[in-house]
Amino acid sequence: MPVLVDTSIWVDYFRSGHNSEKLDFLIDENLIVINDLILAELIPFLKIRNQRKIVSLLQSIKRLDLTVNWNQIIEYQYKCLKNGLNGIGIPDLIIAQNAKQNHSRIYSLDNHFSLMKDILNIRVEK
């Protein structure tokens, strides 16, 4: 099953490498995927730091088609709020929806995904 690697993992990987062993394994096993939202969060900062090679490598990762179903996003936000999760941002809901649409797990350091896991029936990589 593909693993959608969230921005938080990439940032950690580039800065400190604390989670590098797990990400290296997923890369070696050809399990990672990305989407345009995550790329939009990463690439501007990498361009500022003149990291052209990293930008090119990220852009070569298999991309999931990103089709936002806004009615479903509204329903996701409603379910989160109803369950006491008030701080979930729309980008995280879109990433959750995208992973679910594409039968992918989410790998993230963002605790929101773990909290949403059962509410939205998404798969989260540990």
N, C-alpha and C. Protein backbone atom coordinates (compact mmCIF):
# COMPACT_ATOMS: atom_id res chain seq x y z
N MET A 1 0.84 -1.18 0.00
CA MET A 1 0.00 0.00 0.00
C MET A 1 0.89 1.25 0.00
N PRO A 2 0.63 2.20 -0.90
CA PRO A 2 1.44 3.42 -0.96
C PRO A 2 1.35 4.23 0.33
N VAL A 3 2.38 5.02 0.56
CA VAL A 3 2.44 5.86 1.74
C VAL A 3 2.61 7.32 1.30
N LEU A 4 1.61 8.13 1.63
CA LEU A 4 1.66 9.56 1.33
C LEU A 4 2.49 10.23 2.42
N VAL A 5 3.66 10.71 2.05
CA VAL A 5 4.59 11.31 3.01
C VAL A 5 4.26 12.79 3.16
N ASP A 6 3.86 13.15 4.37
CA ASP A 6 3.42 14.51 4.68
C ASP A 6 4.61 15.46 4.79
N THR A 7 4.32 16.74 4.68
CA THR A 7 5.31 17.81 4.76
C THR A 7 6.17 17.70 6.01
N SER A 8 5.56 17.39 7.14
CA SER A 8 6.30 17.34 8.41
C SER A 8 7.44 16.33 8.38
N ILE A 9 7.24 15.21 7.72
CA ILE A 9 8.29 14.19 7.60
C ILE A 9 9.43 14.71 6.74
N TRP A 10 9.09 15.33 5.60
CA TRP A 10 10.13 15.86 4.72
C TRP A 10 10.94 16.94 5.41
N VAL A 11 10.27 17.85 6.11
CA VAL A 11 10.98 18.93 6.80
C VAL A 11 11.94 18.35 7.83
N ASP A 12 11.46 17.38 8.60
CA ASP A 12 12.31 16.73 9.59
C ASP A 12 13.48 16.02 8.92
N TYR A 13 13.21 15.36 7.82
CA TYR A 13 14.23 14.60 7.08
C TYR A 13 15.33 15.54 6.59
N PHE A 14 14.95 16.69 6.05
CA PHE A 14 15.94 17.64 5.53
C PHE A 14 16.68 18.37 6.64
N ARG A 15 16.03 18.62 7.75
CA ARG A 15 16.65 19.37 8.84
C ARG A 15 17.51 18.50 9.75
N SER A 16 16.93 17.45 10.29
CA SER A 16 17.64 16.70 11.33
C SER A 16 17.82 15.23 11.01
N GLY A 17 16.96 14.68 10.19
CA GLY A 17 17.06 13.28 9.83
C GLY A 17 16.65 12.31 10.92
N HIS A 18 15.90 12.78 11.93
CA HIS A 18 15.49 11.90 13.01
C HIS A 18 14.67 10.71 12.51
N ASN A 19 13.87 10.93 11.49
CA ASN A 19 13.02 9.86 10.96
C ASN A 19 13.57 9.31 9.64
N SER A 20 14.85 9.49 9.41
CA SER A 20 15.42 9.13 8.12
C SER A 20 15.41 7.63 7.87
N GLU A 21 15.59 6.82 8.89
CA GLU A 21 15.64 5.37 8.68
C GLU A 21 14.31 4.86 8.11
N LYS A 22 13.22 5.30 8.68
CA LYS A 22 11.89 4.87 8.22
C LYS A 22 11.63 5.38 6.81
N LEU A 23 11.93 6.66 6.55
CA LEU A 23 11.69 7.21 5.23
C LEU A 23 12.61 6.56 4.20
N ASP A 24 13.86 6.33 4.56
CA ASP A 24 14.77 5.63 3.64
C ASP A 24 14.22 4.25 3.27
N PHE A 25 13.66 3.54 4.25
CA PHE A 25 13.07 2.23 3.98
C PHE A 25 11.91 2.35 2.99
N LEU A 26 11.02 3.31 3.23
CA LEU A 26 9.88 3.50 2.33
C LEU A 26 10.32 3.88 0.93
N ILE A 27 11.37 4.70 0.83
CA ILE A 27 11.92 5.07 -0.48
C ILE A 27 12.52 3.84 -1.16
N ASP A 28 13.32 3.08 -0.43
CA ASP A 28 13.95 1.88 -0.99
C ASP A 28 12.92 0.86 -1.47
N GLU A 29 11.80 0.78 -0.76
CA GLU A 29 10.74 -0.16 -1.13
C GLU A 29 9.79 0.41 -2.19
N ASN A 30 10.08 1.62 -2.64
CA ASN A 30 9.28 2.30 -3.65
C ASN A 30 7.80 2.42 -3.24
N LEU A 31 7.59 2.80 -1.98
CA LEU A 31 6.24 2.90 -1.43
C LEU A 31 5.74 4.34 -1.30
N ILE A 32 6.63 5.32 -1.46
CA ILE A 32 6.22 6.70 -1.19
C ILE A 32 5.50 7.33 -2.38
N VAL A 33 4.54 8.18 -2.02
CA VAL A 33 3.83 9.01 -2.99
C VAL A 33 3.73 10.41 -2.39
N ILE A 34 3.38 11.35 -3.23
CA ILE A 34 3.27 12.74 -2.80
C ILE A 34 2.10 13.35 -3.55
N ASN A 35 1.70 14.55 -3.19
CA ASN A 35 0.67 15.24 -3.96
C ASN A 35 1.07 16.71 -4.13
N ASP A 36 0.29 17.41 -4.95
CA ASP A 36 0.64 18.80 -5.25
C ASP A 36 0.53 19.73 -4.04
N LEU A 37 -0.36 19.42 -3.12
CA LEU A 37 -0.47 20.25 -1.91
C LEU A 37 0.81 20.17 -1.08
N ILE A 38 1.31 18.98 -0.89
CA ILE A 38 2.55 18.80 -0.12
C ILE A 38 3.72 19.45 -0.85
N LEU A 39 3.78 19.29 -2.16
CA LEU A 39 4.84 19.94 -2.94
C LEU A 39 4.75 21.46 -2.82
N ALA A 40 3.53 21.99 -2.82
CA ALA A 40 3.35 23.44 -2.70
C ALA A 40 3.81 23.95 -1.34
N GLU A 41 3.75 23.10 -0.33
CA GLU A 41 4.24 23.49 0.99
C GLU A 41 5.76 23.42 1.07
N LEU A 42 6.37 22.51 0.34
CA LEU A 42 7.82 22.27 0.43
C LEU A 42 8.66 23.09 -0.54
N ILE A 43 8.27 23.12 -1.80
CA ILE A 43 9.14 23.63 -2.86
C ILE A 43 9.53 25.10 -2.70
N PRO A 44 8.62 26.00 -2.33
CA PRO A 44 9.06 27.40 -2.20
C PRO A 44 10.25 27.59 -1.25
N PHE A 45 10.23 26.92 -0.11
CA PHE A 45 11.34 27.06 0.85
C PHE A 45 12.62 26.44 0.29
N LEU A 46 12.48 25.34 -0.42
CA LEU A 46 13.66 24.71 -1.02
C LEU A 46 14.25 25.59 -2.12
N LYS A 47 13.38 26.26 -2.89
CA LYS A 47 13.87 27.17 -3.93
C LYS A 47 14.61 28.36 -3.31
N ILE A 48 14.10 28.89 -2.21
CA ILE A 48 14.77 29.99 -1.53
C ILE A 48 16.17 29.56 -1.10
N ARG A 49 16.29 28.32 -0.68
CA ARG A 49 17.59 27.78 -0.24
C ARG A 49 18.42 27.21 -1.40
N ASN A 50 17.91 27.44 -2.62
CA ASN A 50 18.62 27.03 -3.83
C ASN A 50 18.90 25.52 -3.86
N GLN A 51 17.93 24.74 -3.43
CA GLN A 51 18.04 23.28 -3.37
C GLN A 51 17.40 22.65 -4.61
N ARG A 52 17.94 22.96 -5.78
CA ARG A 52 17.35 22.50 -7.04
C ARG A 52 17.31 20.98 -7.17
N LYS A 53 18.35 20.32 -6.69
CA LYS A 53 18.40 18.86 -6.80
C LYS A 53 17.30 18.21 -5.96
N ILE A 54 17.08 18.72 -4.75
CA ILE A 54 16.03 18.18 -3.89
C ILE A 54 14.66 18.46 -4.51
N VAL A 55 14.46 19.65 -5.06
CA VAL A 55 13.20 19.97 -5.73
C VAL A 55 12.96 18.99 -6.87
N SER A 56 13.97 18.75 -7.66
CA SER A 56 13.85 17.81 -8.78
C SER A 56 13.52 16.40 -8.30
N LEU A 57 14.18 15.97 -7.24
CA LEU A 57 13.90 14.64 -6.69
C LEU A 57 12.47 14.54 -6.17
N LEU A 58 12.01 15.56 -5.45
CA LEU A 58 10.64 15.54 -4.95
C LEU A 58 9.63 15.51 -6.10
N GLN A 59 9.91 16.26 -7.14
CA GLN A 59 9.00 16.30 -8.28
C GLN A 59 8.98 14.99 -9.07
N SER A 60 9.99 14.15 -8.87
CA SER A 60 10.02 12.87 -9.58
C SER A 60 9.26 11.76 -8.84
N ILE A 61 8.84 12.03 -7.61
CA ILE A 61 8.07 11.04 -6.84
C ILE A 61 6.68 10.91 -7.45
N LYS A 62 6.17 9.70 -7.46
CA LYS A 62 4.82 9.47 -8.00
C LYS A 62 3.82 10.35 -7.26
N ARG A 63 3.03 11.09 -8.04
CA ARG A 63 2.04 12.01 -7.47
C ARG A 63 0.65 11.38 -7.50
N LEU A 64 -0.05 11.57 -6.40
CA LEU A 64 -1.45 11.19 -6.36
C LEU A 64 -2.26 12.31 -6.99
N ASP A 65 -3.24 11.95 -7.82
CA ASP A 65 -4.14 12.97 -8.34
C ASP A 65 -4.85 13.61 -7.17
N LEU A 66 -4.94 14.92 -7.20
CA LEU A 66 -5.55 15.65 -6.10
C LEU A 66 -6.85 16.26 -6.58
N THR A 67 -7.95 15.62 -6.22
CA THR A 67 -9.28 16.11 -6.54
C THR A 67 -9.99 16.36 -5.22
N VAL A 68 -10.28 17.61 -4.94
CA VAL A 68 -10.89 17.97 -3.67
C VAL A 68 -12.41 17.91 -3.79
N ASN A 69 -13.00 17.07 -2.95
CA ASN A 69 -14.46 17.00 -2.84
C ASN A 69 -14.84 17.88 -1.65
N TRP A 70 -15.24 19.11 -1.94
CA TRP A 70 -15.46 20.09 -0.87
C TRP A 70 -16.58 19.69 0.07
N ASN A 71 -17.61 19.03 -0.46
CA ASN A 71 -18.68 18.56 0.43
C ASN A 71 -18.14 17.55 1.44
N GLN A 72 -17.24 16.70 1.00
CA GLN A 72 -16.64 15.73 1.91
C GLN A 72 -15.71 16.43 2.91
N ILE A 73 -14.99 17.45 2.47
CA ILE A 73 -14.13 18.20 3.39
C ILE A 73 -14.99 18.85 4.48
N ILE A 74 -16.13 19.40 4.09
CA ILE A 74 -17.05 19.99 5.08
C ILE A 74 -17.51 18.90 6.06
N GLU A 75 -17.84 17.74 5.55
CA GLU A 75 -18.27 16.63 6.41
C GLU A 75 -17.12 16.18 7.32
N TYR A 76 -15.92 16.11 6.79
CA TYR A 76 -14.75 15.75 7.62
C TYR A 76 -14.57 16.76 8.75
N GLN A 77 -14.66 18.05 8.41
CA GLN A 77 -14.48 19.08 9.43
C GLN A 77 -15.58 18.98 10.49
N TYR A 78 -16.80 18.73 10.04
CA TYR A 78 -17.92 18.54 10.97
C TYR A 78 -17.65 17.38 11.92
N LYS A 79 -17.22 16.25 11.37
CA LYS A 79 -16.93 15.07 12.20
C LYS A 79 -15.82 15.37 13.21
N CYS A 80 -14.81 16.07 12.76
CA CYS A 80 -13.70 16.42 13.67
C CYS A 80 -14.19 17.33 14.79
N LEU A 81 -14.94 18.37 14.44
CA LEU A 81 -15.45 19.30 15.44
C LEU A 81 -16.38 18.59 16.42
N LYS A 82 -17.23 17.74 15.88
CA LYS A 82 -18.18 16.99 16.71
C LYS A 82 -17.44 16.10 17.73
N ASN A 83 -16.24 15.65 17.36
CA ASN A 83 -15.45 14.79 18.23
C ASN A 83 -14.40 15.56 19.03
N GLY A 84 -14.53 16.88 19.06
CA GLY A 84 -13.64 17.69 19.89
C GLY A 84 -12.31 18.05 19.27
N LEU A 85 -12.13 17.78 17.98
CA LEU A 85 -10.88 18.15 17.30
C LEU A 85 -11.08 19.50 16.61
N ASN A 86 -10.74 20.56 17.33
CA ASN A 86 -11.02 21.91 16.85
C ASN A 86 -9.90 22.51 16.01
N GLY A 87 -8.70 21.97 16.09
CA GLY A 87 -7.55 22.60 15.44
C GLY A 87 -7.12 21.96 14.14
N ILE A 88 -8.00 21.24 13.48
CA ILE A 88 -7.62 20.57 12.24
C ILE A 88 -7.76 21.56 11.08
N GLY A 89 -6.66 21.79 10.37
CA GLY A 89 -6.67 22.72 9.25
C GLY A 89 -7.18 22.06 7.98
N ILE A 90 -7.68 22.88 7.09
CA ILE A 90 -8.20 22.39 5.80
C ILE A 90 -7.12 21.63 5.02
N PRO A 91 -5.85 22.10 4.98
CA PRO A 91 -4.85 21.31 4.25
C PRO A 91 -4.72 19.87 4.79
N ASP A 92 -4.78 19.69 6.11
CA ASP A 92 -4.71 18.33 6.66
C ASP A 92 -5.92 17.50 6.26
N LEU A 93 -7.09 18.13 6.19
CA LEU A 93 -8.29 17.41 5.76
C LEU A 93 -8.18 17.01 4.29
N ILE A 94 -7.60 17.89 3.48
CA ILE A 94 -7.41 17.58 2.06
C ILE A 94 -6.42 16.43 1.90
N ILE A 95 -5.35 16.44 2.68
CA ILE A 95 -4.37 15.35 2.62
C ILE A 95 -5.02 14.05 3.06
N ALA A 96 -5.83 14.09 4.11
CA ALA A 96 -6.53 12.88 4.57
C ALA A 96 -7.47 12.36 3.48
N GLN A 97 -8.22 13.26 2.87
CA GLN A 97 -9.14 12.87 1.81
C GLN A 97 -8.38 12.26 0.62
N ASN A 98 -7.27 12.90 0.25
CA ASN A 98 -6.48 12.44 -0.88
C ASN A 98 -5.91 11.04 -0.63
N ALA A 99 -5.41 10.81 0.56
CA ALA A 99 -4.88 9.49 0.90
C ALA A 99 -5.99 8.44 0.86
N LYS A 100 -7.13 8.78 1.41
CA LYS A 100 -8.25 7.83 1.44
C LYS A 100 -8.73 7.53 0.01
N GLN A 101 -8.86 8.55 -0.83
CA GLN A 101 -9.30 8.36 -2.22
C GLN A 101 -8.36 7.42 -2.98
N ASN A 102 -7.08 7.46 -2.61
CA ASN A 102 -6.06 6.69 -3.33
C ASN A 102 -5.57 5.47 -2.57
N HIS A 103 -6.33 5.08 -1.55
CA HIS A 103 -6.02 3.86 -0.78
C HIS A 103 -4.56 3.87 -0.29
N SER A 104 -4.17 5.01 0.28
CA SER A 104 -2.81 5.19 0.77
C SER A 104 -2.82 5.42 2.27
N ARG A 105 -1.70 5.09 2.89
CA ARG A 105 -1.48 5.44 4.29
C ARG A 105 -0.85 6.82 4.34
N ILE A 106 -0.94 7.48 5.48
CA ILE A 106 -0.32 8.79 5.68
C ILE A 106 0.82 8.63 6.68
N TYR A 107 1.99 9.13 6.32
CA TYR A 107 3.13 9.15 7.22
C TYR A 107 3.40 10.60 7.57
N SER A 108 3.21 10.95 8.85
CA SER A 108 3.31 12.34 9.28
C SER A 108 3.77 12.41 10.73
N LEU A 109 4.42 13.49 11.06
CA LEU A 109 4.74 13.78 12.46
C LEU A 109 3.62 14.61 13.10
N ASP A 110 2.69 15.05 12.30
CA ASP A 110 1.56 15.85 12.74
C ASP A 110 0.55 14.95 13.47
N ASN A 111 0.35 15.19 14.73
CA ASN A 111 -0.54 14.37 15.55
C ASN A 111 -1.99 14.43 15.09
N HIS A 112 -2.35 15.45 14.30
CA HIS A 112 -3.73 15.56 13.82
C HIS A 112 -4.17 14.30 13.09
N PHE A 113 -3.28 13.72 12.32
CA PHE A 113 -3.66 12.54 11.54
C PHE A 113 -3.97 11.35 12.45
N SER A 114 -3.19 11.18 13.50
CA SER A 114 -3.48 10.10 14.46
C SER A 114 -4.81 10.34 15.14
N LEU A 115 -5.10 11.59 15.46
CA LEU A 115 -6.37 11.92 16.11
C LEU A 115 -7.56 11.72 15.16
N MET A 116 -7.36 11.97 13.86
CA MET A 116 -8.43 11.83 12.87
C MET A 116 -8.62 10.39 12.39
N LYS A 117 -7.64 9.55 12.67
CA LYS A 117 -7.60 8.20 12.11
C LYS A 117 -8.94 7.47 12.22
N ASP A 118 -9.47 7.33 13.41
CA ASP A 118 -10.70 6.58 13.61
C ASP A 118 -11.93 7.37 13.18
N ILE A 119 -11.89 8.66 13.35
CA ILE A 119 -13.05 9.52 12.98
C ILE A 119 -13.29 9.50 11.48
N LEU A 120 -12.20 9.58 10.70
CA LEU A 120 -12.33 9.67 9.24
C LEU A 120 -12.01 8.35 8.53
N ASN A 121 -11.66 7.34 9.31
CA ASN A 121 -11.31 6.04 8.74
C ASN A 121 -10.17 6.14 7.74
N ILE A 122 -9.07 6.76 8.20
CA ILE A 122 -7.87 6.86 7.37
C ILE A 122 -6.78 5.98 7.98
N ARG A 123 -5.83 5.61 7.16
CA ARG A 123 -4.71 4.77 7.62
C ARG A 123 -3.50 5.67 7.87
N VAL A 124 -2.92 5.53 9.04
CA VAL A 124 -1.77 6.36 9.43
C VAL A 124 -0.59 5.44 9.70
N GLU A 125 0.51 5.77 9.07
CA GLU A 125 1.77 5.03 9.23
C GLU A 125 2.45 5.47 10.52
N LYS A 126 2.93 4.52 11.26
CA LYS A 126 3.64 4.84 12.52
C LYS A 126 5.13 4.69 12.33
